[in-house]
């Protein structure tokens, strides 16, 4: 694991620009084919990319497949899943969706909140089944009041992982479809013979999924453009080096492109963490992935103090930020840019991944500076509401007419004058 100072950490922090022209060209080809040919194109790409033989009869997961999935999941695991679902759903319901309308001096203004009609949730299915992403995608949409929720997930060989299906059913998905990649996003965005078009698409995926979401934005709403997973840990001298190492590896095992960085004001801690990372790697089932991730994208940065650590964290804007310090609440006001913040040594990142309640679908690659964690707002719209009494229109009418005419929009002015000119 690399250890550097703030002055020489540029290489560690660099998020290299990946040439996307070839991938983008393929994505556009797929989107166009699905838009024109619908199911037929989806089935062709699934056969080509995932060796999945789909037909109109098996594209949507059947009740028999759901029943088999429930039989394959242990009662203990199902009970844990249900407890997690309750925490996540309750959390997303907490903020509410209250309308806000005020009437003052004959003028009614405000907004009303309405859910979108339908949502498509993309669930990755690459190197590991991610049933937790099913919960984190569906439940904020349910909390928002979305009436129709469809899930798209890859099905290698035509089979979806049982826990993914059980999670989808437990969370209230209306349908699960067996497709991944850009073709899945296209099906949700444009609709096919089997898949009704949705209003919003949410959920993380690989570069093809991300580029496809970017391309279809405008035809549908999207949550964010997600990249490889990342964790940044701000730690002081009192942090447990073994726990810090474990937390870094919890992200490194996701993908070789994942990023795990420690920022500390204690060089000795950085050395101990580096040693523990190497020792812990040896026992990991996914050690090859984690080792490459740590070698290419992981490391530690030693800074002068914790204030400097927070300033650097804000510049990085990480997906996950652990404040592994004695007084994490004292540092929280200094944090401006992060997808999710984890407070103290007893809150490892997996607590948020699976169980606590806040969503784990988070902005990555520095986009926490302008994107938010997936939440119920992604699945709602605010509509403004305006109402005037005659007295209010008489009071404000001359100003409105004057402003309309300043923009040379005489018909606008006359729409007001038609109601008030006999009074002025």
Protein backbone atom coordinates (compact mmCIF):
# COMPACT_ATOMS: atom_id res chain seq x y z
CA UNK A 1 0.00 0.00 0.00
CA UNK A 2 1.42 3.38 -0.99
CA UNK A 3 2.04 5.97 1.72
CA UNK A 4 2.53 9.57 0.66
CA UNK A 5 2.13 13.16 1.81
CA UNK A 6 -0.40 15.67 0.57
CA UNK A 7 2.29 17.21 -1.63
CA UNK A 8 3.05 14.00 -3.52
CA UNK A 9 -0.36 12.31 -3.56
CA UNK A 10 -1.48 13.51 -7.00
CA UNK A 11 -0.98 10.11 -8.62
CA UNK A 12 -2.93 8.37 -5.85
CA UNK A 13 -5.86 10.78 -6.12
CA UNK A 14 -5.98 10.93 -9.92
CA UNK A 15 -9.09 9.48 -11.45
CA UNK A 16 -7.64 8.68 -14.87
CA UNK A 17 -9.79 9.61 -17.82
CA UNK A 18 -10.86 6.41 -19.47
CA UNK A 19 -11.29 6.61 -23.22
CA UNK A 20 -15.00 6.04 -23.70
CA UNK A 21 -15.44 6.64 -27.42
CA UNK A 22 -15.52 2.95 -28.34
CA UNK A 23 -17.82 2.05 -25.45
CA UNK A 24 -20.10 5.00 -26.23
CA UNK A 25 -20.37 3.96 -29.88
CA UNK A 26 -21.42 0.46 -28.83
CA UNK A 27 -23.94 1.86 -26.34
CA UNK A 28 -25.51 4.10 -28.96
CA UNK A 29 -25.79 1.17 -31.34
CA UNK A 30 -27.54 -0.91 -28.68
CA UNK A 31 -29.90 1.89 -27.69
CA UNK A 32 -30.91 2.50 -31.29
CA UNK A 33 -31.50 -1.21 -31.93
CA UNK A 34 -33.69 -1.65 -28.86
CA UNK A 35 -35.62 1.54 -29.60
CA UNK A 36 -36.43 0.25 -33.10
CA UNK A 37 -36.73 -3.50 -32.62
CA UNK A 38 -37.66 -3.83 -28.94
CA UNK A 39 -37.58 -7.31 -27.42
CA UNK A 40 -35.87 -8.86 -30.43
CA UNK A 41 -32.82 -6.63 -30.01
CA UNK A 42 -32.70 -7.17 -26.23
CA UNK A 43 -32.73 -10.93 -26.73
CA UNK A 44 -29.95 -10.76 -29.32
CA UNK A 45 -27.66 -8.75 -27.05
CA UNK A 46 -28.37 -10.97 -24.05
CA UNK A 47 -27.37 -14.01 -26.10
CA UNK A 48 -24.22 -12.27 -27.31
CA UNK A 49 -23.03 -10.79 -24.01
CA UNK A 50 -24.39 -13.13 -21.30
CA UNK A 51 -25.13 -16.34 -23.19
CA UNK A 52 -28.74 -15.98 -22.04
CA UNK A 53 -31.40 -17.42 -24.32
CA UNK A 54 -34.44 -15.18 -23.81
CA UNK A 55 -37.90 -15.33 -25.35
CA UNK A 56 -41.10 -13.41 -24.74
CA UNK A 57 -42.11 -16.26 -22.42
CA UNK A 58 -39.07 -16.25 -20.11
CA UNK A 59 -37.93 -12.59 -20.28
CA UNK A 60 -40.00 -11.70 -17.22
CA UNK A 61 -39.35 -13.75 -14.09
CA UNK A 62 -42.25 -16.16 -13.52
CA UNK A 63 -44.10 -17.01 -10.31
CA UNK A 64 -42.54 -20.47 -10.43
CA UNK A 65 -39.09 -18.90 -10.42
CA UNK A 66 -40.02 -16.73 -7.43
CA UNK A 67 -41.30 -19.79 -5.59
CA UNK A 68 -38.07 -21.66 -6.29
CA UNK A 69 -36.05 -18.67 -5.09
CA UNK A 70 -37.88 -18.63 -1.75
CA UNK A 71 -37.15 -22.32 -1.30
CA UNK A 72 -33.45 -21.67 -1.90
CA UNK A 73 -33.11 -18.95 0.75
CA UNK A 74 -32.68 -20.02 4.36
CA UNK A 75 -35.19 -18.82 6.98
CA UNK A 76 -32.38 -17.09 8.88
CA UNK A 77 -31.22 -15.16 5.83
CA UNK A 78 -34.80 -14.24 4.94
CA UNK A 79 -35.33 -12.91 8.48
CA UNK A 80 -32.18 -10.77 8.23
CA UNK A 81 -33.30 -9.47 4.85
CA UNK A 82 -36.71 -8.52 6.21
CA UNK A 83 -35.18 -6.64 9.15
CA UNK A 84 -32.94 -4.72 6.74
CA UNK A 85 -35.91 -3.92 4.50
CA UNK A 86 -37.85 -2.50 7.47
CA UNK A 87 -34.94 -0.25 8.46
CA UNK A 88 -34.42 1.02 4.92
CA UNK A 89 -38.11 1.59 4.19
CA UNK A 90 -38.75 3.32 7.51
CA UNK A 91 -35.76 5.58 6.93
CA UNK A 92 -36.96 6.67 3.50
CA UNK A 93 -40.48 7.31 4.81
CA UNK A 94 -39.17 9.56 7.58
CA UNK A 95 -38.63 12.70 5.54
CA UNK A 96 -42.19 12.71 4.22
CA UNK A 97 -43.45 14.34 1.02
CA UNK A 98 -45.42 17.27 2.38
CA UNK A 99 -46.99 19.84 0.10
CA UNK A 100 -46.23 23.46 0.96
CA UNK A 101 -48.85 26.08 0.06
CA UNK A 102 -49.14 29.54 1.64
CA UNK A 103 -51.86 32.16 1.14
CA UNK A 104 -50.98 35.76 2.01
CA UNK A 105 -52.79 38.94 0.98
CA UNK A 106 -54.83 37.16 -1.65
CA UNK A 107 -51.85 35.39 -3.20
CA UNK A 108 -51.62 31.60 -2.98
CA UNK A 109 -48.21 30.17 -3.84
CA UNK A 110 -46.36 26.97 -3.13
CA UNK A 111 -45.87 23.49 -4.48
CA UNK A 112 -47.39 20.06 -4.33
CA UNK A 113 -45.32 16.86 -4.42
CA UNK A 114 -46.28 14.00 -6.71
CA UNK A 115 -44.54 10.67 -7.33
CA UNK A 116 -43.54 9.67 -10.82
CA UNK A 117 -45.80 7.05 -12.34
CA UNK A 118 -43.19 4.34 -12.81
CA UNK A 119 -39.57 3.54 -12.02
CA UNK A 120 -37.00 1.12 -13.38
CA UNK A 121 -34.38 -0.18 -10.95
CA UNK A 122 -31.18 -1.58 -12.40
CA UNK A 123 -29.46 -4.20 -10.23
CA UNK A 124 -25.91 -5.26 -11.20
CA UNK A 125 -25.19 -8.96 -11.41
CA UNK A 126 -21.56 -9.13 -12.46
CA UNK A 127 -18.96 -10.47 -10.06
CA UNK A 128 -21.38 -11.05 -7.15
CA UNK A 129 -25.16 -11.04 -6.53
CA UNK A 130 -26.19 -7.73 -4.96
CA UNK A 131 -29.54 -8.23 -3.28
CA UNK A 132 -28.80 -5.21 -1.09
CA UNK A 133 -28.91 -3.03 -4.22
CA UNK A 134 -32.40 -4.37 -4.88
CA UNK A 135 -33.53 -3.00 -1.52
CA UNK A 136 -31.68 0.29 -1.89
CA UNK A 137 -33.17 0.89 -5.34
CA UNK A 138 -36.78 -0.18 -4.81
CA UNK A 139 -37.52 1.08 -1.29
CA UNK A 140 -36.99 4.83 -1.82
CA UNK A 141 -39.27 4.55 -4.86
CA UNK A 142 -41.90 2.79 -2.77
CA UNK A 143 -41.55 5.39 -0.02
CA UNK A 144 -42.12 8.08 -2.65
CA UNK A 145 -45.38 6.43 -3.68
CA UNK A 146 -44.38 5.15 -7.13
CA UNK A 147 -47.15 2.87 -8.42
CA UNK A 148 -45.18 0.64 -10.81
CA UNK A 149 -41.62 -0.54 -10.17
CA UNK A 150 -39.72 -2.80 -12.59
CA UNK A 151 -36.33 -4.40 -11.91
CA UNK A 152 -33.75 -5.21 -14.58
CA UNK A 153 -30.89 -7.53 -13.69
CA UNK A 154 -28.52 -9.79 -15.66
CA UNK A 155 -29.32 -13.49 -15.66
CA UNK A 156 -26.29 -15.50 -16.73
CA UNK A 157 -27.64 -18.58 -18.42
CA UNK A 158 -31.19 -17.35 -17.82
CA UNK A 159 -31.09 -17.68 -14.02
CA UNK A 160 -31.34 -14.79 -11.55
CA UNK A 161 -29.75 -15.35 -8.12
CA UNK A 162 -32.45 -16.53 -5.66
CA UNK A 163 -31.77 -13.84 -3.06
CA UNK A 164 -32.08 -11.14 -5.71
CA UNK A 165 -35.55 -12.42 -6.58
CA UNK A 166 -36.61 -12.80 -2.96
CA UNK A 167 -35.43 -9.26 -2.19
CA UNK A 168 -37.33 -7.89 -5.19
CA UNK A 169 -40.55 -9.60 -4.09
CA UNK A 170 -40.12 -8.59 -0.45
CA UNK A 171 -39.51 -4.95 -1.44
CA UNK A 172 -42.59 -4.79 -3.63
CA UNK A 173 -41.30 -4.88 -7.20
CA UNK A 174 -44.06 -5.38 -9.74
CA UNK A 175 -41.86 -7.21 -12.25
CA UNK A 176 -38.31 -8.49 -12.65
CA UNK A 177 -36.77 -8.81 -16.12
CA UNK A 178 -33.69 -10.80 -17.12
CA UNK A 179 -31.46 -8.31 -18.87
CA UNK A 180 -28.35 -6.31 -18.12
CA UNK A 181 -26.12 -3.69 -19.68
CA UNK A 182 -27.15 -0.98 -22.11
CA UNK A 183 -29.93 -3.14 -23.55
CA UNK A 184 -31.65 -3.25 -20.16
CA UNK A 185 -31.48 0.54 -19.81
CA UNK A 186 -32.83 0.93 -23.36
CA UNK A 187 -35.77 -1.37 -22.61
CA UNK A 188 -36.72 0.68 -19.55
CA UNK A 189 -36.20 4.03 -21.25
CA UNK A 190 -38.02 3.35 -24.53
CA UNK A 191 -40.25 0.39 -23.72
CA UNK A 192 -40.46 -2.87 -25.67
CA UNK A 193 -43.16 -5.39 -26.45
CA UNK A 194 -42.62 -6.92 -22.99
CA UNK A 195 -41.40 -3.94 -20.92
CA UNK A 196 -43.52 -0.82 -20.41
CA UNK A 197 -41.56 2.44 -20.55
CA UNK A 198 -40.70 3.96 -17.17
CA UNK A 199 -40.36 7.56 -16.01
CA UNK A 200 -37.16 7.28 -13.93
CA UNK A 201 -34.24 4.84 -14.00
CA UNK A 202 -32.09 4.35 -10.90
CA UNK A 203 -29.32 2.02 -9.83
CA UNK A 204 -25.59 1.52 -10.43
CA UNK A 205 -23.89 -0.49 -13.13
CA UNK A 206 -20.78 -0.86 -15.26
CA UNK A 207 -19.50 1.66 -17.81
CA UNK A 208 -22.05 0.53 -20.42
CA UNK A 209 -24.94 1.00 -18.00
CA UNK A 210 -23.63 4.40 -16.94
CA UNK A 211 -23.15 5.62 -20.51
CA UNK A 212 -26.58 4.30 -21.47
CA UNK A 213 -28.21 6.19 -18.60
CA UNK A 214 -26.42 9.34 -19.71
CA UNK A 215 -27.66 8.87 -23.28
CA UNK A 216 -31.32 8.23 -22.39
CA UNK A 217 -31.52 11.11 -19.91
CA UNK A 218 -34.22 13.40 -21.21
CA UNK A 219 -36.37 10.53 -22.41
CA UNK A 220 -36.44 9.48 -18.77
CA UNK A 221 -35.12 10.84 -15.51
CA UNK A 222 -32.07 9.23 -13.90
CA UNK A 223 -30.62 9.21 -10.40
CA UNK A 224 -26.91 9.76 -11.08
CA UNK A 225 -23.94 8.56 -13.13
CA UNK A 226 -22.15 6.04 -10.95
CA UNK A 227 -18.59 4.78 -11.29
CA UNK A 228 -16.39 2.31 -9.37
CA UNK A 229 -16.90 2.06 -5.62
CA UNK A 230 -14.64 4.04 -3.27
CA UNK A 231 -13.96 4.63 0.40
CA UNK A 232 -11.99 7.35 2.13
CA UNK A 233 -11.14 7.02 5.82
CA UNK A 234 -10.07 10.00 7.93
CA UNK A 235 -8.36 8.52 10.98
CA UNK A 236 -6.42 9.85 13.95
CA UNK A 237 -3.76 8.16 16.07
CA UNK A 238 -6.40 6.43 18.20
CA UNK A 239 -7.88 4.46 15.31
CA UNK A 240 -7.51 0.67 15.31
CA UNK A 241 -5.18 -0.12 12.40
CA UNK A 242 -6.67 -3.57 11.90
CA UNK A 243 -10.21 -2.18 11.63
CA UNK A 244 -9.07 0.54 9.22
CA UNK A 245 -7.41 -2.09 7.04
CA UNK A 246 -10.56 -4.23 7.14
CA UNK A 247 -12.68 -1.26 6.09
CA UNK A 248 -10.40 -0.40 3.18
CA UNK A 249 -10.55 -3.96 1.92
CA UNK A 250 -14.34 -3.99 2.23
CA UNK A 251 -14.37 -1.69 -0.80
CA UNK A 252 -11.29 -3.00 -2.57
CA UNK A 253 -12.91 -6.44 -2.98
CA UNK A 254 -15.72 -4.94 -5.09
CA UNK A 255 -13.70 -4.37 -8.23
CA UNK A 256 -10.14 -3.86 -9.45
CA UNK A 257 -11.13 -0.26 -10.20
CA UNK A 258 -12.39 0.35 -6.64
CA UNK A 259 -10.54 2.97 -4.61
CA UNK A 260 -9.61 2.79 -0.90
CA UNK A 261 -7.71 5.70 0.67
CA UNK A 262 -6.68 6.53 4.23
CA UNK A 263 -6.00 10.12 5.29
CA UNK A 264 -4.34 10.46 8.68
CA UNK A 265 -2.25 12.87 10.72
CA UNK A 266 -0.28 9.96 12.20
CA UNK A 267 2.43 8.36 10.05
CA UNK A 268 2.78 5.42 12.41
CA UNK A 269 -0.89 4.56 11.93
CA UNK A 270 -0.42 4.58 8.15
CA UNK A 271 2.46 2.12 8.49
CA UNK A 272 0.45 -0.20 10.73
CA UNK A 273 -2.55 -0.10 8.39
CA UNK A 274 -0.34 -0.93 5.41
CA UNK A 275 0.98 -3.97 7.22
CA UNK A 276 -2.47 -5.15 8.26
CA UNK A 277 -3.80 -4.75 4.72
CA UNK A 278 -1.17 -7.18 3.46
CA UNK A 279 -1.90 -9.65 6.25
CA UNK A 280 -5.66 -9.49 5.76
CA UNK A 281 -5.42 -9.85 1.99
CA UNK A 282 -4.04 -13.36 2.33
CA UNK A 283 -7.29 -14.63 3.88
CA UNK A 284 -9.77 -13.00 1.49
CA UNK A 285 -11.66 -15.18 -1.01
CA UNK A 286 -11.56 -12.24 -3.49
CA UNK A 287 -7.93 -11.42 -2.67
CA UNK A 288 -6.80 -11.10 -6.29
CA UNK A 289 -9.38 -8.40 -6.97
CA UNK A 290 -8.73 -6.63 -3.67
CA UNK A 291 -4.95 -6.84 -4.02
CA UNK A 292 -4.96 -5.28 -7.47
CA UNK A 293 -7.38 -2.58 -6.32
CA UNK A 294 -5.13 -1.69 -3.38
CA UNK A 295 -2.01 -1.82 -5.52
CA UNK A 296 -3.36 0.39 -8.30
CA UNK A 297 -5.90 2.61 -6.54
CA UNK A 298 -5.30 2.38 -2.80
CA UNK A 299 -2.99 4.04 -0.33
CA UNK A 300 -2.53 6.40 2.60
CA UNK A 301 -1.94 10.15 2.73
CA UNK A 302 -0.28 11.71 5.77
CA UNK A 303 -1.35 15.29 6.54
CA UNK A 304 -0.53 17.86 9.20
CA UNK A 305 -3.82 17.77 11.12
CA UNK A 306 -7.44 16.66 10.90
CA UNK A 307 -8.64 20.01 9.57
CA UNK A 308 -6.31 19.52 6.60
CA UNK A 309 -7.63 15.96 6.27
CA UNK A 310 -11.20 17.25 5.99
CA UNK A 311 -10.20 19.85 3.40
CA UNK A 312 -8.61 17.12 1.29
CA UNK A 313 -11.65 14.87 1.78
CA UNK A 314 -13.90 17.65 0.48
CA UNK A 315 -11.75 17.98 -2.62
CA UNK A 316 -11.89 14.23 -3.25
CA UNK A 317 -15.68 14.10 -2.57
CA UNK A 318 -15.71 10.34 -1.89
CA UNK A 319 -18.60 7.95 -2.18
CA UNK A 320 -18.10 6.63 1.38
CA UNK A 321 -16.34 8.71 4.03
CA UNK A 322 -15.50 7.21 7.42
CA UNK A 323 -14.58 9.64 10.21
CA UNK A 324 -12.64 7.17 12.34
CA UNK A 325 -11.60 9.68 15.00
CA UNK A 326 -12.21 10.24 18.70
CA UNK A 327 -14.80 12.99 18.12
CA UNK A 328 -16.42 12.41 14.71
CA UNK A 329 -19.27 14.85 15.36
CA UNK A 330 -16.71 17.63 15.80
CA UNK A 331 -15.44 16.99 12.26
CA UNK A 332 -18.85 16.56 10.60
CA UNK A 333 -19.44 20.35 10.21
CA UNK A 334 -16.19 20.50 8.20
CA UNK A 335 -17.41 17.94 5.66
CA UNK A 336 -19.13 19.39 2.60
CA UNK A 337 -18.75 16.75 -0.11
CA UNK A 338 -19.41 13.03 0.42
CA UNK A 339 -21.99 10.48 -0.60
CA UNK A 340 -22.37 9.08 2.91
CA UNK A 341 -20.53 9.81 6.17
CA UNK A 342 -19.89 7.09 8.76
CA UNK A 343 -19.26 8.31 12.31
CA UNK A 344 -16.69 6.68 14.59
CA UNK A 345 -14.95 3.36 14.95
CA UNK A 346 -18.12 1.35 15.51
CA UNK A 347 -19.67 2.31 12.16
CA UNK A 348 -17.89 0.40 9.39
CA UNK A 349 -19.14 1.06 5.88
CA UNK A 350 -21.02 -2.28 5.56
CA UNK A 351 -23.45 -1.06 8.25
CA UNK A 352 -24.67 1.41 5.63
CA UNK A 353 -24.42 -1.07 2.77
CA UNK A 354 -26.91 -3.46 4.28
CA UNK A 355 -28.83 -2.45 7.35
CA UNK A 356 -28.83 1.00 8.96
CA UNK A 357 -31.40 2.55 6.63
CA UNK A 358 -29.74 5.32 4.55
CA UNK A 359 -29.26 4.34 0.93
CA UNK A 360 -26.04 2.84 -0.40
CA UNK A 361 -26.56 3.97 -4.01
CA UNK A 362 -24.20 6.93 -3.84
CA UNK A 363 -22.40 9.42 -6.10
CA UNK A 364 -18.86 8.37 -7.02
CA UNK A 365 -15.79 9.75 -8.81
CA UNK A 366 -16.07 13.16 -7.18
CA UNK A 367 -19.69 13.67 -8.24
CA UNK A 368 -20.74 14.03 -4.60
CA UNK A 369 -20.01 17.71 -5.23
CA UNK A 370 -23.25 17.90 -7.23
CA UNK A 371 -25.14 14.58 -6.95
CA UNK A 372 -26.94 13.29 -3.85
CA UNK A 373 -27.44 9.85 -2.36
CA UNK A 374 -30.39 8.03 -3.92
CA UNK A 375 -33.48 9.11 -1.99
CA UNK A 376 -37.21 9.44 -2.42
CA UNK A 377 -36.81 12.88 -4.06
CA UNK A 378 -35.44 11.14 -7.17
CA UNK A 379 -38.86 9.57 -7.63
CA UNK A 380 -40.97 12.67 -7.02
CA UNK A 381 -41.67 15.98 -8.74
CA UNK A 382 -42.66 19.33 -7.28
CA UNK A 383 -45.40 21.18 -9.15
CA UNK A 384 -45.80 24.85 -8.39
CA UNK A 385 -49.21 26.18 -7.41
CA UNK A 386 -50.32 29.81 -7.93
CA UNK A 387 -53.64 31.45 -7.15
CA UNK A 388 -54.59 35.16 -7.13
CA UNK A 389 -57.70 36.93 -5.94
CA UNK A 390 -59.02 39.81 -8.05
CA UNK A 391 -57.71 42.28 -5.50
CA UNK A 392 -54.22 40.78 -5.67
CA UNK A 393 -54.22 40.88 -9.47
CA UNK A 394 -55.29 44.53 -9.41
CA UNK A 395 -52.41 45.33 -7.08
CA UNK A 396 -49.75 43.47 -9.07
CA UNK A 397 -51.18 43.82 -12.59
CA UNK A 398 -49.39 46.99 -13.64
CA UNK A 399 -46.02 45.51 -12.68
CA UNK A 400 -46.73 42.31 -14.59
CA UNK A 401 -47.81 44.25 -17.69
CA UNK A 402 -44.74 46.44 -17.53
CA UNK A 403 -42.39 43.44 -17.26
CA UNK A 404 -44.15 41.59 -20.10
CA UNK A 405 -43.87 44.57 -22.40
CA UNK A 406 -40.17 44.92 -21.51
CA UNK A 407 -39.73 41.52 -23.18
CA UNK A 408 -41.91 42.54 -26.15
CA UNK A 409 -44.55 39.97 -25.25
CA UNK A 410 -47.66 42.03 -25.76
CA UNK A 411 -50.05 39.07 -25.62
CA UNK A 412 -48.78 38.33 -22.13
CA UNK A 413 -49.52 41.88 -21.10
CA UNK A 414 -52.97 41.82 -22.64
CA UNK A 415 -53.89 38.56 -20.87
CA UNK A 416 -53.55 40.53 -17.63
CA UNK A 417 -55.10 43.72 -19.00
CA UNK A 418 -58.18 41.81 -20.14
CA UNK A 419 -58.97 41.28 -16.47
CA UNK A 420 -57.97 44.62 -14.97
CA UNK A 421 -57.92 47.40 -17.57
CA UNK A 422 -61.36 48.69 -16.68
CA UNK A 423 -60.00 49.21 -13.18
CA UNK A 424 -56.76 51.03 -14.08
